[in-house]
Structures are given as C-alpha cells and as structure tokens.
Amino acid sequence: NYSATGFSVRFYGTELKATMRAEGTSGTVNIYVDKDINQVEFDTDSNPNNYDAAREKYNRECTNMTFENGTGTYTLVSGLPEGIHTVTVLKRGEVCYTSHLALVGLDVGTGKLLTPPKKSSRTIEFIGDSNTTGYGNLTLGSSGYDPSTQDGTVTYAAYTAAALGAEYTITARSGCTLTRNDAACSEGYMTDTYLYTDYWNIGDSEVYDFASNPSDVVVIHLGDNDHDGRAGSLSTSQ
C-alpha cells in the first residue's frame, strides 16, 4: 500500500486483464507497457506557472487507471501486437490516504504467462515523509490532501532509482515523524511502523521480511515533522 508499489507481468499475447480488490475510492495506478524505465517525466518546464496544464499533459502521456471500491476485473492493456510483452503497474498514492489495493488474479486471454521480468541487481530503499511520497507534487500547492495531485513514481526517490537503473521501495507517509516526541504527531512515528509490512492498515501482525528483501542503499529523509511538531522548542542537546 506504500507509494510506487505494484507488480510486473511478462506474457505472450495481446492483452492483459487483472482482477483487483480496492478498499477505498482513490486506487489510481500507472501502467507501463514494454518500457525500459517505468516512469514518465512530469514536465513543468513548459508550464512553470500552470501545473494544471502540466498535470493534464502528464496524465495523457502516462497511462493510468483507477480501481473502484470492491473487487473487479480490469483490462490493463489490449490490442497489442501478438508477442512477448512486459506490463508494470505502480500505485500513485500513499499509504492510508488512498485505497488499499490487492492483486487477486491475472488473465492473458488466449496468451500465456511467462517467467517474470528480470529485476535489476541494484536496490534502493527510501524512508521518509511527504517529501518522499510526493505529497502534492503534481500541483503548485495543496489545501488538504487530494489523490489526483500526488504520484510516487515522479518523486526524487523514483528519479534517483531510474537514473541508477535500480529497483526501489518507498517506505513513507506524509506527516510522520522519526521518533516519539512531545508533539505526539497524529500521523505516527516511523519507529513504530518500520519493522512491519503495513503497520498503518494491519498493525503489527506481519513483520517485514528484511532478509528476503535486501537493499544496497538506504536513503532516509526524515525530521521535518519532528522539528515542526516541537514548534521550535528543539535544543542542541536534543
């Protein structure tokens, strides 16, 4: 349920359908077909003062789909030339603020599922808050959370991984702090959540399997909310 989570499918055929379960109504994902890099650049240079226009352009260029609340079957791609294809699906929004998504099944019609695409030998884990999830990164500002103005695949984390040809994970939530402090940040503490697969939604029932998911590099971008929560009361001794 974290930003930029998803799956990749390699198959022979012309179409791919997925049965998805969504808990909520903002389960938007990006769909990449036969891409070397699973990312479309969000270009603001041509419209530096008009993010709405830039976002509309981005949405036209970056194929995306929203899964409705409940379980349903969706055609991710169709009409492809018959042959071998790789489709990658990555979630835009972030944990807690957008739908919880689950892949239930896959259907390639008269085609055939093949061995999964080979992963990069490089892996980076990004741990952070709104800066890492891309809170409001598809707009110049935000008055309250809006799933349509966030995309974890065009954050500094995603751009860094793409530049290095690395797999990446984003373990982050807007508003969270690094440690417990007097502010009692309502969004939670990374120290409470990091060891678990999805503490925000299922609590401490499932411990994350670090041994099976090693990272070459871990990038931590935390502390803004710790500082803001203390309202300037931090001292050098703390």
Protein backbone atom coordinates (compact mmCIF):
# COMPACT_ATOMS: atom_id res chain seq x y z
CA ASN A 1 0.00 0.00 0.00
CA TYR A 2 3.01 2.32 0.01
CA SER A 3 3.69 4.72 -2.86
CA ALA A 4 5.06 3.18 -6.07
CA THR A 5 4.29 -0.40 -5.02
CA GLY A 6 2.92 -2.75 -7.65
CA PHE A 7 3.75 -5.69 -9.87
CA SER A 8 5.25 -6.62 -13.25
CA VAL A 9 3.92 -9.29 -15.60
CA ARG A 10 5.66 -10.84 -18.59
CA PHE A 11 3.44 -12.70 -21.04
CA TYR A 12 2.89 -13.80 -24.63
CA GLY A 13 -0.31 -12.45 -26.13
CA THR A 14 -2.17 -9.27 -27.00
CA GLU A 15 -3.94 -8.29 -23.78
CA LEU A 16 -3.71 -8.39 -20.02
CA LYS A 17 -6.56 -8.24 -17.52
CA ALA A 18 -6.22 -8.04 -13.75
CA THR A 19 -8.72 -8.74 -11.02
CA MET A 20 -8.11 -6.16 -8.32
CA ARG A 21 -9.54 -5.57 -4.87
CA ALA A 22 -9.68 -1.95 -3.75
CA GLU A 23 -10.67 -0.75 -0.30
CA GLY A 24 -11.47 2.90 -0.94
CA THR A 25 -12.10 5.05 -3.98
CA SER A 26 -8.74 6.51 -4.99
CA GLY A 27 -6.78 3.48 -6.11
CA THR A 28 -5.02 5.06 -9.10
CA VAL A 29 -2.10 3.26 -10.73
CA ASN A 30 0.23 3.93 -13.64
CA ILE A 31 0.51 1.28 -16.36
CA TYR A 32 3.78 0.89 -18.28
CA VAL A 33 3.96 -1.36 -21.34
CA ASP A 34 7.31 -2.62 -22.64
CA LYS A 35 9.24 0.24 -21.03
CA ASP A 36 12.94 0.22 -20.20
CA ILE A 37 12.20 2.69 -17.40
CA ASN A 38 8.84 2.53 -15.63
CA GLN A 39 8.39 6.25 -15.38
CA VAL A 40 7.06 9.19 -17.39
CA GLU A 41 8.63 12.54 -16.63
CA PHE A 42 6.37 15.15 -15.10
CA ASP A 43 7.41 18.17 -17.17
CA THR A 44 6.78 21.54 -15.55
CA ASP A 45 9.36 23.48 -17.59
CA SER A 46 6.92 24.14 -20.43
CA ASN A 47 4.25 25.34 -17.96
CA PRO A 48 6.18 26.63 -14.91
CA ASN A 49 3.21 28.61 -13.59
CA ASN A 50 0.46 26.26 -14.68
CA TYR A 51 0.71 22.87 -13.00
CA ASP A 52 -2.86 22.06 -14.03
CA ALA A 53 -1.81 22.09 -17.69
CA ALA A 54 1.35 20.14 -16.90
CA ARG A 55 -0.68 17.57 -14.96
CA GLU A 56 -3.16 17.17 -17.81
CA LYS A 57 -0.27 16.61 -20.22
CA TYR A 58 1.30 14.11 -17.84
CA ASN A 59 -1.95 12.17 -17.49
CA ARG A 60 -2.26 11.96 -21.26
CA GLU A 61 1.28 10.63 -21.63
CA CYS A 62 1.28 8.35 -18.59
CA THR A 63 -1.36 5.65 -18.95
CA ASN A 64 -3.26 5.38 -15.67
CA MET A 65 -6.34 3.70 -14.26
CA THR A 66 -8.40 3.99 -11.10
CA PHE A 67 -9.80 0.88 -9.41
CA GLU A 68 -13.21 1.34 -7.86
CA ASN A 69 -14.08 0.22 -4.33
CA GLY A 70 -14.59 -3.54 -4.17
CA THR A 71 -13.34 -6.37 -6.39
CA GLY A 72 -13.45 -6.10 -10.17
CA THR A 73 -11.70 -7.22 -13.33
CA TYR A 74 -9.99 -4.53 -15.41
CA THR A 75 -8.39 -4.59 -18.87
CA LEU A 76 -4.95 -3.12 -18.25
CA VAL A 77 -3.84 -3.32 -21.90
CA SER A 78 -5.35 -4.67 -25.11
CA GLY A 79 -4.75 -4.61 -28.86
CA LEU A 80 -1.02 -5.22 -28.52
CA PRO A 81 0.89 -6.87 -31.36
CA GLU A 82 0.91 -10.61 -30.67
CA GLY A 83 4.18 -11.41 -28.96
CA ILE A 84 6.08 -11.12 -25.69
CA HIS A 85 5.23 -8.09 -23.55
CA THR A 86 6.01 -6.78 -20.08
CA VAL A 87 3.47 -4.73 -18.18
CA THR A 88 4.26 -2.96 -14.91
CA VAL A 89 1.62 -1.46 -12.62
CA LEU A 90 2.66 1.03 -9.92
CA LYS A 91 0.48 2.80 -7.37
CA ARG A 92 0.43 6.59 -7.39
CA GLY A 93 -0.90 7.50 -3.96
CA GLU A 94 0.34 6.78 -0.48
CA VAL A 95 -0.47 4.51 2.41
CA CYS A 96 -3.56 5.47 4.46
CA TYR A 97 -4.61 8.35 2.22
CA THR A 98 -5.51 6.24 -0.82
CA SER A 99 -7.17 2.89 -1.48
CA HIS A 100 -5.62 -0.30 -0.19
CA LEU A 101 -5.02 -2.40 -3.29
CA ALA A 102 -4.57 -6.13 -3.76
CA LEU A 103 -3.95 -8.18 -6.89
CA VAL A 104 -6.37 -11.12 -6.97
CA GLY A 105 -5.67 -12.67 -10.37
CA LEU A 106 -4.36 -12.26 -13.93
CA ASP A 107 -5.81 -13.17 -17.31
CA VAL A 108 -3.95 -13.07 -20.65
CA GLY A 109 -6.83 -14.48 -22.71
CA THR A 110 -5.53 -16.93 -25.31
CA GLY A 111 -1.97 -15.95 -24.43
CA LYS A 112 0.43 -17.39 -21.89
CA LEU A 113 2.08 -16.11 -18.73
CA LEU A 114 5.88 -16.27 -18.90
CA THR A 115 8.67 -16.13 -16.35
CA PRO A 116 8.70 -12.76 -14.54
CA PRO A 117 10.88 -9.98 -15.92
CA LYS A 118 14.42 -9.90 -14.56
CA LYS A 119 14.94 -7.41 -11.77
CA SER A 120 17.85 -5.03 -11.51
CA SER A 121 20.72 -6.16 -9.31
CA ARG A 122 20.65 -2.72 -7.65
CA THR A 123 18.12 -1.95 -4.92
CA ILE A 124 17.47 1.27 -3.01
CA GLU A 125 15.09 1.79 -0.10
CA PHE A 126 13.78 5.29 0.59
CA ILE A 127 12.39 6.04 4.06
CA GLY A 128 10.64 9.35 4.67
CA ASP A 129 7.60 11.56 4.93
CA SER A 130 5.71 13.77 2.46
CA ASN A 131 8.89 14.74 0.62
CA THR A 132 9.41 11.10 -0.25
CA THR A 133 5.80 10.17 -1.04
CA GLY A 134 5.38 13.16 -3.33
CA TYR A 135 2.58 14.86 -1.41
CA GLY A 136 1.06 17.41 -3.80
CA ASN A 137 3.91 17.01 -6.29
CA LEU A 138 1.58 17.32 -9.28
CA THR A 139 0.45 20.79 -8.22
CA LEU A 140 1.95 24.06 -7.01
CA GLY A 141 0.20 23.76 -3.66
CA SER A 142 -2.43 21.83 -1.81
CA SER A 143 -5.17 22.78 0.62
CA GLY A 144 -5.84 19.35 2.02
CA TYR A 145 -4.94 16.01 0.52
CA ASP A 146 -6.11 15.21 -2.99
CA PRO A 147 -5.03 11.86 -4.53
CA SER A 148 -5.10 13.38 -8.02
CA THR A 149 -2.18 15.67 -7.18
CA GLN A 150 0.22 13.00 -5.94
CA ASP A 151 2.33 10.45 -7.78
CA GLY A 152 5.05 8.48 -6.03
CA THR A 153 6.61 7.47 -9.36
CA VAL A 154 7.83 11.02 -10.03
CA THR A 155 9.42 11.78 -6.67
CA TYR A 156 13.12 12.38 -6.01
CA ALA A 157 13.22 8.71 -4.96
CA ALA A 158 11.87 7.43 -8.27
CA TYR A 159 14.06 9.76 -10.34
CA THR A 160 17.15 8.69 -8.41
CA ALA A 161 16.40 5.00 -8.88
CA ALA A 162 15.68 5.49 -12.59
CA ALA A 163 18.96 7.34 -13.09
CA LEU A 164 20.86 4.47 -11.46
CA GLY A 165 18.87 1.67 -13.08
CA ALA A 166 17.83 0.39 -9.66
CA GLU A 167 14.77 -1.23 -8.13
CA TYR A 168 13.34 0.92 -5.35
CA THR A 169 10.89 0.90 -2.49
CA ILE A 170 9.29 3.84 -0.73
CA THR A 171 8.53 3.37 2.97
CA ALA A 172 6.99 6.70 3.82
CA ARG A 173 3.89 8.55 4.93
CA SER A 174 3.11 12.24 4.85
CA GLY A 175 3.25 13.86 8.27
CA CYS A 176 5.07 11.07 10.08
CA THR A 177 7.95 11.76 12.44
CA LEU A 178 11.17 9.88 13.07
CA THR A 179 10.75 9.35 16.81
CA ARG A 180 8.29 9.87 19.61
CA ASN A 181 8.30 13.42 20.93
CA ASP A 182 6.22 15.88 22.90
CA ALA A 183 4.19 16.84 19.84
CA ALA A 184 2.60 13.37 19.62
CA CYS A 185 2.31 13.68 15.84
CA SER A 186 -1.10 12.37 14.83
CA GLU A 187 0.34 10.72 11.72
CA GLY A 188 2.51 8.32 13.71
CA TYR A 189 6.17 7.56 14.19
CA MET A 190 8.47 5.74 11.82
CA THR A 191 9.97 3.91 14.80
CA ASP A 192 6.54 2.33 15.42
CA THR A 193 5.90 1.31 11.84
CA TYR A 194 9.13 0.47 10.06
CA LEU A 195 9.51 -3.15 11.18
CA TYR A 196 6.13 -4.19 9.82
CA THR A 197 4.81 -4.90 6.33
CA ASP A 198 1.92 -2.42 6.67
CA TYR A 199 1.51 -1.17 10.21
CA TRP A 200 -0.80 1.65 9.10
CA ASN A 201 -3.51 -0.78 7.95
CA ILE A 202 -2.94 -4.16 9.61
CA GLY A 203 -0.90 -3.23 12.67
CA ASP A 204 1.93 -5.40 13.99
CA SER A 205 0.52 -8.72 12.75
CA GLU A 206 3.05 -9.08 9.94
CA VAL A 207 6.76 -8.39 10.43
CA TYR A 208 8.60 -7.32 7.28
CA ASP A 209 11.00 -9.92 5.85
CA PHE A 210 14.21 -7.90 5.60
CA ALA A 211 16.37 -10.96 4.90
CA SER A 212 14.47 -11.76 1.70
CA ASN A 213 14.38 -8.12 0.57
CA PRO A 214 17.88 -6.70 0.99
CA SER A 215 18.79 -3.18 -0.14
CA ASP A 216 22.16 -1.96 -1.35
CA VAL A 217 21.47 1.58 -0.20
CA VAL A 218 19.01 3.06 2.30
CA VAL A 219 18.11 6.74 1.98
CA ILE A 220 16.44 8.41 4.99
CA HIS A 221 14.70 11.77 4.60
CA LEU A 222 13.01 12.43 7.95
CA GLY A 223 12.96 15.10 10.63
CA ASP A 224 10.89 17.94 9.17
CA ASN A 225 7.79 16.92 11.09
CA ASP A 226 9.78 16.28 14.28
CA HIS A 227 11.02 19.85 14.11
CA ASP A 228 7.67 21.37 13.18
CA GLY A 229 5.87 19.37 15.85
CA ARG A 230 8.07 20.76 18.58
CA ALA A 231 7.25 24.30 17.42
CA GLY A 232 10.86 25.40 17.55
CA SER A 233 11.47 24.00 21.05
CA LEU A 234 14.28 21.67 19.99
CA SER A 235 17.55 22.35 21.72
CA THR A 236 21.06 21.40 20.68
CA SER A 237 21.16 18.80 23.44
CA GLN A 238 18.15 17.03 21.91
